[in-house]
């Protein structure tokens, strides 16, 4: 058994993963809404979409529920987001985030996939819909290796309070 260090592992990590998003439509019990949508998963793989805009491919239809596959999303990890990835991986249920925009018919169309809570939260503050999905094992392992190679936790220190009254009287800190 050969022992590899973190630098050797980081050199062999893929730069990105191509993923597809599975969305599901269910009939709604609400009289004002025809259907309710949710993202139910992401699938890692080399499935590409030749179209510049995501197109839904019907996977299955069962009891009024329809599942659609949206192909061709690129999932990339960035070193400056490692703390967010770390906290995601350490959570009780690590998840991926699917950002979706609504089309004219009220159907959510996935536009981005991320593993960063901070990035997802930024989209949530905007006008985008956000869905959480479980992280597939191969994506989890890739992210874990990336975090181990690039993340060094910074010890938090408590700031010392400044005496503003003393400074106002001409004193030093």
Protein backbone atom coordinates (compact mmCIF):
# COMPACT_ATOMS: atom_id res chain seq x y z
CA UNK A 1 0.00 0.00 0.00
CA UNK A 2 1.47 3.34 -1.03
CA UNK A 3 1.02 6.41 1.13
CA UNK A 4 0.12 9.62 -0.69
CA UNK A 5 0.29 13.07 0.80
CA UNK A 6 -2.30 15.78 0.37
CA UNK A 7 -0.33 17.57 -2.37
CA UNK A 8 -0.26 14.41 -4.49
CA UNK A 9 -4.01 13.95 -4.01
CA UNK A 10 -4.77 17.58 -4.91
CA UNK A 11 -2.84 17.22 -8.18
CA UNK A 12 -5.02 14.29 -9.25
CA UNK A 13 -8.36 15.90 -8.34
CA UNK A 14 -10.60 16.75 -11.27
CA UNK A 15 -11.03 20.51 -11.74
CA UNK A 16 -14.79 20.19 -12.22
CA UNK A 17 -17.62 17.69 -12.40
CA UNK A 18 -20.36 17.67 -15.00
CA UNK A 19 -23.68 17.09 -13.26
CA UNK A 20 -27.32 16.80 -14.19
CA UNK A 21 -30.28 17.91 -12.10
CA UNK A 22 -33.44 15.86 -11.56
CA UNK A 23 -36.56 17.97 -11.01
CA UNK A 24 -39.97 16.58 -10.09
CA UNK A 25 -43.42 17.96 -10.72
CA UNK A 26 -46.33 16.77 -8.56
CA UNK A 27 -50.01 17.70 -8.92
CA UNK A 28 -50.95 20.38 -6.42
CA UNK A 29 -53.87 20.26 -4.02
CA UNK A 30 -53.94 24.05 -4.09
CA UNK A 31 -56.69 25.27 -6.45
CA UNK A 32 -54.53 28.22 -7.57
CA UNK A 33 -51.46 26.17 -8.51
CA UNK A 34 -51.38 23.37 -11.09
CA UNK A 35 -48.24 21.64 -9.86
CA UNK A 36 -45.57 21.79 -7.18
CA UNK A 37 -41.92 21.48 -8.13
CA UNK A 38 -38.88 20.27 -6.28
CA UNK A 39 -35.32 19.23 -7.08
CA UNK A 40 -34.83 15.65 -6.00
CA UNK A 41 -31.21 15.01 -6.90
CA UNK A 42 -28.06 15.64 -8.82
CA UNK A 43 -26.29 12.99 -10.85
CA UNK A 44 -22.56 13.13 -11.53
CA UNK A 45 -21.41 12.11 -14.95
CA UNK A 46 -20.37 13.13 -18.41
CA UNK A 47 -23.87 13.86 -19.66
CA UNK A 48 -23.72 16.98 -21.79
CA UNK A 49 -26.43 19.15 -23.22
CA UNK A 50 -25.94 20.37 -26.79
CA UNK A 51 -28.46 23.16 -26.28
CA UNK A 52 -27.28 26.52 -24.87
CA UNK A 53 -30.36 26.61 -22.62
CA UNK A 54 -31.30 23.74 -20.31
CA UNK A 55 -33.97 21.51 -21.80
CA UNK A 56 -36.05 19.10 -19.76
CA UNK A 57 -35.89 15.44 -20.67
CA UNK A 58 -38.78 13.42 -19.24
CA UNK A 59 -37.37 10.52 -17.23
CA UNK A 60 -40.54 8.96 -15.90
CA UNK A 61 -44.17 9.63 -15.18
CA UNK A 62 -45.92 7.81 -12.38
CA UNK A 63 -49.22 8.65 -10.70
CA UNK A 64 -49.24 12.25 -11.87
CA UNK A 65 -45.65 12.84 -10.76
CA UNK A 66 -43.19 13.65 -13.54
CA UNK A 67 -39.42 13.59 -13.24
CA UNK A 68 -37.28 15.64 -15.61
CA UNK A 69 -33.53 15.57 -16.22
CA UNK A 70 -31.63 18.79 -16.92
CA UNK A 71 -28.13 18.05 -18.28
CA UNK A 72 -24.85 19.85 -18.64
CA UNK A 73 -24.15 21.75 -15.42
CA UNK A 74 -20.55 22.21 -14.34
CA UNK A 75 -19.80 21.95 -10.64
CA UNK A 76 -16.55 23.69 -9.70
CA UNK A 77 -14.89 24.13 -6.34
CA UNK A 78 -12.99 27.28 -5.36
CA UNK A 79 -10.31 27.55 -2.68
CA UNK A 80 -11.84 30.70 -1.19
CA UNK A 81 -15.11 28.81 -0.54
CA UNK A 82 -13.43 25.95 1.38
CA UNK A 83 -14.82 26.99 4.76
CA UNK A 84 -18.36 26.83 3.37
CA UNK A 85 -17.69 23.40 1.80
CA UNK A 86 -16.20 22.20 5.09
CA UNK A 87 -19.25 23.21 7.11
CA UNK A 88 -21.53 21.65 4.48
CA UNK A 89 -19.64 18.34 4.65
CA UNK A 90 -19.66 18.37 8.47
CA UNK A 91 -23.40 18.98 8.69
CA UNK A 92 -25.70 16.06 9.61
CA UNK A 93 -26.93 15.89 6.00
CA UNK A 94 -24.55 17.45 3.44
CA UNK A 95 -26.40 18.87 0.49
CA UNK A 96 -26.00 20.38 -2.92
CA UNK A 97 -27.82 23.55 -3.87
CA UNK A 98 -29.76 23.90 -7.11
CA UNK A 99 -30.49 27.49 -8.11
CA UNK A 100 -33.50 27.82 -10.44
CA UNK A 101 -35.24 30.66 -12.26
CA UNK A 102 -38.93 30.57 -13.08
CA UNK A 103 -39.94 30.57 -16.72
CA UNK A 104 -43.07 32.31 -18.03
CA UNK A 105 -45.23 29.29 -17.14
CA UNK A 106 -44.08 29.14 -13.52
CA UNK A 107 -41.78 26.17 -14.10
CA UNK A 108 -38.43 26.33 -12.27
CA UNK A 109 -35.50 25.91 -14.66
CA UNK A 110 -32.18 25.01 -12.98
CA UNK A 111 -29.43 27.50 -13.79
CA UNK A 112 -26.63 26.61 -11.35
CA UNK A 113 -25.47 23.86 -9.00
CA UNK A 114 -23.25 24.61 -6.01
CA UNK A 115 -21.95 23.01 -2.82
CA UNK A 116 -21.32 26.34 -1.10
CA UNK A 117 -23.91 27.48 1.43
CA UNK A 118 -22.58 31.03 1.19
CA UNK A 119 -23.10 31.13 -2.58
CA UNK A 120 -26.54 29.55 -2.26
CA UNK A 121 -27.50 32.08 0.41
CA UNK A 122 -26.49 34.93 -1.89
CA UNK A 123 -28.83 33.58 -4.58
CA UNK A 124 -31.57 33.13 -2.00
CA UNK A 125 -31.29 36.81 -1.06
CA UNK A 126 -31.92 37.59 -4.72
CA UNK A 127 -35.03 36.52 -6.57
CA UNK A 128 -33.99 32.94 -7.37
CA UNK A 129 -35.51 29.69 -6.14
CA UNK A 130 -33.18 27.43 -4.20
CA UNK A 131 -33.53 23.68 -3.72
CA UNK A 132 -31.39 21.41 -1.57
CA UNK A 133 -30.54 17.91 -2.73
CA UNK A 134 -28.41 15.09 -1.28
CA UNK A 135 -24.77 15.00 -2.39
CA UNK A 136 -23.86 11.90 -4.43
CA UNK A 137 -20.99 9.85 -2.91
CA UNK A 138 -18.49 10.61 -5.70
CA UNK A 139 -19.13 14.37 -5.36
CA UNK A 140 -18.84 14.11 -1.57
CA UNK A 141 -15.46 12.34 -1.85
CA UNK A 142 -14.21 14.87 -4.41
CA UNK A 143 -15.25 17.80 -2.20
CA UNK A 144 -13.75 16.18 0.89
CA UNK A 145 -10.39 15.69 -0.88
CA UNK A 146 -10.52 19.30 -2.14
CA UNK A 147 -11.19 20.64 1.36
CA UNK A 148 -8.38 18.53 2.85
CA UNK A 149 -5.99 19.85 0.21
CA UNK A 150 -6.94 23.54 0.41
CA UNK A 151 -8.54 24.37 3.78
CA UNK A 152 -6.73 25.34 6.95
CA UNK A 153 -9.15 26.36 9.72
CA UNK A 154 -8.37 29.72 11.27
CA UNK A 155 -8.64 29.87 15.03
CA UNK A 156 -11.19 32.47 16.00
CA UNK A 157 -10.03 35.00 18.55
CA UNK A 158 -12.15 37.27 20.63
CA UNK A 159 -11.67 40.93 19.92
CA UNK A 160 -10.60 43.10 22.80
CA UNK A 161 -13.02 45.90 23.55
CA UNK A 162 -11.72 49.40 23.14
CA UNK A 163 -12.39 52.10 25.70
CA UNK A 164 -13.96 54.75 23.47
CA UNK A 165 -14.50 57.20 26.35
CA UNK A 166 -10.81 57.12 27.25
CA UNK A 167 -9.85 57.72 23.59
CA UNK A 168 -12.27 60.65 23.35
CA UNK A 169 -10.54 62.31 26.28
CA UNK A 170 -7.21 62.13 24.44
CA UNK A 171 -5.90 58.92 26.01
CA UNK A 172 -4.14 56.14 24.22
CA UNK A 173 -5.40 52.61 23.75
